[in-house]
């Protein structure tokens, strides 16, 4: 059996730093965003719920590491929850997809 190399690692968060385990960028990195959009393409509500739970955990982890410098609320929110909203066609389309997913 061979040891995993850096190219076989998925783009997942390395806690408590919340950096990508593979590329070292703030998570979710670009590749992680593509993977998440693909994985949750049929359920945007589930994507937002997953990312909201990650946001909650990241705030706790980052605050424990550096209580005086967790970062701005707007930046942390945008890092976890802002990008998928911008990927949709429009706010109305996002709401429609979310409502459909809730009723399935």
N, C-alpha and C. Protein backbone atom coordinates (compact mmCIF):
# COMPACT_ATOMS: atom_id res chain seq x y z
N UNK A 1 0.85 -1.18 0.00
CA UNK A 1 0.00 0.00 0.00
C UNK A 1 0.88 1.24 0.00
N UNK A 2 0.51 2.19 -0.80
CA UNK A 2 1.29 3.42 -0.88
C UNK A 2 0.69 4.49 0.01
N UNK A 3 1.55 5.35 0.49
CA UNK A 3 1.09 6.46 1.33
C UNK A 3 0.41 7.50 0.46
N UNK A 4 -0.62 8.18 0.98
CA UNK A 4 -1.28 9.21 0.19
C UNK A 4 -0.32 10.37 -0.06
N UNK A 5 -0.40 10.93 -1.25
CA UNK A 5 0.40 12.11 -1.54
C UNK A 5 -0.50 13.33 -1.53
N UNK A 6 0.09 14.49 -1.69
CA UNK A 6 -0.68 15.73 -1.60
C UNK A 6 -1.76 15.83 -2.66
N UNK A 7 -1.59 15.13 -3.79
CA UNK A 7 -2.58 15.21 -4.87
C UNK A 7 -3.76 14.28 -4.66
N UNK A 8 -3.65 13.34 -3.71
CA UNK A 8 -4.77 12.44 -3.45
C UNK A 8 -5.64 12.93 -2.29
N UNK A 9 -5.19 13.95 -1.60
CA UNK A 9 -5.98 14.48 -0.48
C UNK A 9 -7.15 15.31 -1.00
N UNK A 10 -8.31 15.18 -0.36
CA UNK A 10 -9.43 16.04 -0.76
C UNK A 10 -9.24 17.46 -0.20
N UNK A 11 -9.97 18.38 -0.75
CA UNK A 11 -9.94 19.78 -0.29
C UNK A 11 -10.92 19.92 0.87
N UNK A 12 -10.50 19.50 2.05
CA UNK A 12 -11.32 19.54 3.26
C UNK A 12 -10.65 20.43 4.29
N UNK A 13 -11.43 20.92 5.28
CA UNK A 13 -10.83 21.84 6.26
C UNK A 13 -9.90 21.13 7.23
N UNK A 14 -8.82 21.81 7.56
CA UNK A 14 -7.90 21.37 8.61
C UNK A 14 -8.22 22.21 9.84
N UNK A 15 -8.85 21.57 10.79
CA UNK A 15 -9.25 22.29 11.99
C UNK A 15 -8.15 22.21 13.03
N UNK A 16 -7.98 23.21 13.84
CA UNK A 16 -8.83 24.38 14.08
C UNK A 16 -8.44 25.60 13.25
N UNK A 17 -7.52 25.44 12.31
CA UNK A 17 -7.07 26.59 11.52
C UNK A 17 -8.03 26.97 10.41
N UNK A 18 -8.85 26.04 9.96
CA UNK A 18 -9.79 26.25 8.86
C UNK A 18 -9.06 26.66 7.58
N UNK A 19 -7.96 25.93 7.33
CA UNK A 19 -7.25 26.02 6.07
C UNK A 19 -7.49 24.72 5.32
N UNK A 20 -7.37 24.76 4.01
CA UNK A 20 -7.57 23.56 3.20
C UNK A 20 -6.42 22.59 3.47
N UNK A 21 -6.79 21.35 3.76
CA UNK A 21 -5.79 20.32 4.05
C UNK A 21 -4.89 20.05 2.84
N UNK A 22 -5.40 20.25 1.64
CA UNK A 22 -4.63 19.95 0.43
C UNK A 22 -3.80 21.14 -0.06
N UNK A 23 -4.43 22.32 -0.19
CA UNK A 23 -3.73 23.44 -0.82
C UNK A 23 -3.31 24.54 0.15
N UNK A 24 -3.78 24.50 1.39
CA UNK A 24 -3.37 25.47 2.40
C UNK A 24 -4.08 26.82 2.34
N UNK A 25 -5.02 26.98 1.41
CA UNK A 25 -5.79 28.23 1.31
C UNK A 25 -6.89 28.24 2.37
N UNK A 26 -7.42 29.41 2.70
CA UNK A 26 -8.57 29.44 3.62
C UNK A 26 -9.71 28.57 3.06
N UNK A 27 -10.27 27.73 3.93
CA UNK A 27 -11.33 26.83 3.50
C UNK A 27 -12.68 27.51 3.67
N UNK A 28 -13.60 27.37 2.74
CA UNK A 28 -13.51 26.56 1.53
C UNK A 28 -12.71 27.26 0.44
N UNK A 29 -11.72 26.55 -0.08
CA UNK A 29 -10.90 27.07 -1.18
C UNK A 29 -11.71 26.93 -2.48
N UNK A 30 -11.15 27.39 -3.57
CA UNK A 30 -11.86 27.32 -4.85
C UNK A 30 -12.25 25.90 -5.24
N UNK A 31 -11.32 24.96 -5.07
CA UNK A 31 -11.61 23.57 -5.43
C UNK A 31 -12.68 22.98 -4.51
N UNK A 32 -12.65 23.35 -3.23
CA UNK A 32 -13.67 22.86 -2.30
C UNK A 32 -15.04 23.42 -2.66
N UNK A 33 -15.09 24.67 -3.10
CA UNK A 33 -16.37 25.27 -3.50
C UNK A 33 -16.95 24.54 -4.69
N UNK A 34 -16.12 24.21 -5.67
CA UNK A 34 -16.59 23.46 -6.84
C UNK A 34 -17.11 22.09 -6.40
N UNK A 35 -16.36 21.42 -5.55
CA UNK A 35 -16.77 20.09 -5.07
C UNK A 35 -18.08 20.17 -4.28
N UNK A 36 -18.22 21.19 -3.44
CA UNK A 36 -19.45 21.34 -2.65
C UNK A 36 -20.64 21.64 -3.55
N UNK A 37 -20.46 22.52 -4.52
CA UNK A 37 -21.56 22.83 -5.44
C UNK A 37 -21.97 21.58 -6.22
N UNK A 38 -21.01 20.77 -6.60
CA UNK A 38 -21.32 19.53 -7.31
C UNK A 38 -22.05 18.55 -6.40
N UNK A 39 -21.54 18.39 -5.19
CA UNK A 39 -22.15 17.44 -4.25
C UNK A 39 -23.56 17.84 -3.86
N UNK A 40 -23.81 19.12 -3.69
CA UNK A 40 -25.10 19.60 -3.22
C UNK A 40 -25.94 20.24 -4.32
N UNK A 41 -25.64 19.95 -5.57
CA UNK A 41 -26.33 20.61 -6.69
C UNK A 41 -27.84 20.42 -6.66
N UNK A 42 -28.32 19.33 -6.08
CA UNK A 42 -29.76 19.09 -6.02
C UNK A 42 -30.40 19.53 -4.72
N UNK A 43 -29.60 20.10 -3.81
CA UNK A 43 -30.15 20.53 -2.53
C UNK A 43 -29.35 21.70 -1.96
N UNK A 44 -29.65 22.89 -2.46
CA UNK A 44 -28.94 24.07 -1.97
C UNK A 44 -29.22 24.34 -0.50
N UNK A 45 -30.40 23.97 -0.03
CA UNK A 45 -30.71 24.16 1.39
C UNK A 45 -29.73 23.35 2.24
N UNK A 46 -29.47 22.12 1.83
CA UNK A 46 -28.52 21.29 2.57
C UNK A 46 -27.12 21.89 2.52
N UNK A 47 -26.74 22.46 1.39
CA UNK A 47 -25.44 23.12 1.29
C UNK A 47 -25.35 24.27 2.28
N UNK A 48 -26.37 25.12 2.32
CA UNK A 48 -26.36 26.25 3.25
C UNK A 48 -26.35 25.78 4.70
N UNK A 49 -27.09 24.73 5.02
CA UNK A 49 -27.09 24.21 6.39
C UNK A 49 -25.72 23.66 6.77
N UNK A 50 -25.10 22.93 5.85
CA UNK A 50 -23.76 22.39 6.10
C UNK A 50 -22.76 23.54 6.33
N UNK A 51 -22.79 24.53 5.44
CA UNK A 51 -21.85 25.64 5.56
C UNK A 51 -22.12 26.48 6.80
N UNK A 52 -23.39 26.61 7.20
CA UNK A 52 -23.70 27.34 8.43
C UNK A 52 -23.13 26.62 9.65
N UNK A 53 -23.17 25.30 9.65
CA UNK A 53 -22.59 24.56 10.77
C UNK A 53 -21.07 24.70 10.76
N UNK A 54 -20.47 24.72 9.57
CA UNK A 54 -19.02 24.96 9.47
C UNK A 54 -18.67 26.35 9.97
N UNK A 55 -19.48 27.34 9.60
CA UNK A 55 -19.26 28.71 10.06
C UNK A 55 -19.28 28.77 11.58
N UNK A 56 -20.25 28.13 12.19
CA UNK A 56 -20.36 28.11 13.65
C UNK A 56 -19.10 27.49 14.27
N UNK A 57 -18.68 26.34 13.74
CA UNK A 57 -17.49 25.67 14.27
C UNK A 57 -16.24 26.52 14.05
N UNK A 58 -16.13 27.15 12.88
CA UNK A 58 -14.96 27.96 12.57
C UNK A 58 -14.86 29.16 13.50
N UNK A 59 -15.98 29.80 13.78
CA UNK A 59 -15.96 30.94 14.70
C UNK A 59 -15.44 30.51 16.05
N UNK A 60 -15.94 29.38 16.55
CA UNK A 60 -15.47 28.87 17.85
C UNK A 60 -13.98 28.54 17.81
N UNK A 61 -13.57 27.79 16.78
CA UNK A 61 -12.16 27.38 16.68
C UNK A 61 -11.23 28.57 16.55
N UNK A 62 -11.55 29.48 15.66
CA UNK A 62 -10.68 30.63 15.42
C UNK A 62 -10.63 31.55 16.63
N UNK A 63 -11.74 31.68 17.33
CA UNK A 63 -11.76 32.51 18.53
C UNK A 63 -10.88 31.90 19.63
N UNK A 64 -10.90 30.56 19.74
CA UNK A 64 -10.06 29.91 20.75
C UNK A 64 -8.58 30.06 20.41
N UNK A 65 -8.25 30.05 19.12
CA UNK A 65 -6.85 30.22 18.72
C UNK A 65 -6.35 31.64 18.95
N UNK A 66 -7.18 32.63 18.57
CA UNK A 66 -6.80 34.04 18.67
C UNK A 66 -8.01 34.85 19.12
N UNK A 67 -8.28 34.88 20.41
CA UNK A 67 -9.48 35.58 20.90
C UNK A 67 -9.55 37.04 20.49
N UNK A 68 -8.42 37.69 20.33
CA UNK A 68 -8.44 39.12 20.00
C UNK A 68 -8.51 39.39 18.49
N UNK A 69 -8.38 38.34 17.66
CA UNK A 69 -8.34 38.56 16.21
C UNK A 69 -9.04 37.42 15.47
N UNK A 70 -10.34 37.33 15.61
CA UNK A 70 -11.10 36.30 14.90
C UNK A 70 -11.39 36.73 13.47
N UNK A 71 -11.34 38.00 13.20
CA UNK A 71 -11.66 38.52 11.87
C UNK A 71 -12.99 39.22 11.90
N UNK A 72 -13.28 39.96 10.84
CA UNK A 72 -14.54 40.68 10.81
C UNK A 72 -15.69 39.72 10.58
N UNK A 73 -16.82 40.03 11.15
CA UNK A 73 -18.00 39.20 11.01
C UNK A 73 -18.41 39.08 9.55
N UNK A 74 -18.38 40.19 8.84
CA UNK A 74 -18.77 40.18 7.43
C UNK A 74 -17.84 39.28 6.61
N UNK A 75 -16.54 39.35 6.88
CA UNK A 75 -15.59 38.52 6.13
C UNK A 75 -15.81 37.04 6.41
N UNK A 76 -15.97 36.67 7.67
CA UNK A 76 -16.17 35.25 8.02
C UNK A 76 -17.49 34.75 7.45
N UNK A 77 -18.54 35.55 7.54
CA UNK A 77 -19.83 35.17 6.97
C UNK A 77 -19.71 34.96 5.46
N UNK A 78 -19.06 35.90 4.78
CA UNK A 78 -18.91 35.81 3.33
C UNK A 78 -18.08 34.60 2.94
N UNK A 79 -17.07 34.30 3.71
CA UNK A 79 -16.20 33.16 3.42
C UNK A 79 -16.98 31.84 3.42
N UNK A 80 -17.94 31.71 4.31
CA UNK A 80 -18.68 30.46 4.40
C UNK A 80 -20.04 30.49 3.71
N UNK A 81 -20.76 31.58 3.78
CA UNK A 81 -22.13 31.59 3.28
C UNK A 81 -22.39 32.57 2.14
N UNK A 82 -21.50 33.50 1.90
CA UNK A 82 -21.72 34.48 0.84
C UNK A 82 -21.52 33.92 -0.55
N UNK A 83 -20.51 33.10 -0.73
CA UNK A 83 -20.17 32.63 -2.08
C UNK A 83 -21.25 31.76 -2.73
N UNK A 84 -21.94 30.84 -2.01
CA UNK A 84 -22.94 30.05 -2.75
C UNK A 84 -24.13 30.90 -3.20
N UNK A 85 -24.45 31.93 -2.44
CA UNK A 85 -25.55 32.81 -2.83
C UNK A 85 -25.21 33.56 -4.11
N UNK A 86 -23.95 33.93 -4.27
CA UNK A 86 -23.53 34.63 -5.49
C UNK A 86 -23.48 33.72 -6.70
N UNK A 87 -23.40 32.41 -6.48
CA UNK A 87 -23.32 31.45 -7.58
C UNK A 87 -24.67 31.19 -8.24
N UNK A 88 -25.74 31.57 -7.60
CA UNK A 88 -27.06 31.33 -8.17
C UNK A 88 -27.39 32.43 -9.17
N UNK A 89 -28.37 32.17 -9.97
CA UNK A 89 -28.73 33.13 -11.03
C UNK A 89 -29.25 34.45 -10.47
N UNK A 90 -30.05 34.37 -9.42
CA UNK A 90 -30.60 35.57 -8.82
C UNK A 90 -31.12 35.22 -7.43
N UNK A 91 -31.34 36.21 -6.57
CA UNK A 91 -31.92 35.92 -5.26
C UNK A 91 -33.28 35.24 -5.37
N UNK A 92 -34.09 35.61 -6.35
CA UNK A 92 -35.40 34.99 -6.52
C UNK A 92 -35.25 33.52 -6.90
N UNK A 93 -34.28 33.21 -7.77
CA UNK A 93 -34.04 31.82 -8.16
C UNK A 93 -33.57 31.01 -6.96
N UNK A 94 -32.71 31.60 -6.12
CA UNK A 94 -32.24 30.93 -4.93
C UNK A 94 -33.40 30.60 -3.99
N UNK A 95 -34.27 31.58 -3.76
CA UNK A 95 -35.43 31.34 -2.88
C UNK A 95 -36.34 30.26 -3.45
N UNK A 96 -36.56 30.28 -4.73
CA UNK A 96 -37.40 29.27 -5.36
C UNK A 96 -36.80 27.88 -5.19
N UNK A 97 -35.48 27.75 -5.42
CA UNK A 97 -34.83 26.45 -5.24
C UNK A 97 -34.90 26.00 -3.79
N UNK A 98 -34.70 26.92 -2.86
CA UNK A 98 -34.75 26.56 -1.44
C UNK A 98 -36.16 26.09 -1.05
N UNK A 99 -37.17 26.79 -1.54
CA UNK A 99 -38.55 26.39 -1.23
C UNK A 99 -38.87 25.01 -1.81
N UNK A 100 -38.44 24.76 -3.03
CA UNK A 100 -38.66 23.44 -3.65
C UNK A 100 -37.98 22.35 -2.81
N UNK A 101 -36.76 22.60 -2.37
CA UNK A 101 -36.03 21.60 -1.58
C UNK A 101 -36.69 21.35 -0.25
N UNK A 102 -37.28 22.37 0.35
CA UNK A 102 -37.97 22.21 1.62
C UNK A 102 -39.22 21.34 1.50
N UNK A 103 -39.87 21.38 0.35
CA UNK A 103 -41.11 20.64 0.18
C UNK A 103 -40.92 19.25 -0.39
N UNK A 104 -39.69 18.87 -0.70
CA UNK A 104 -39.43 17.51 -1.24
C UNK A 104 -39.32 16.52 -0.14
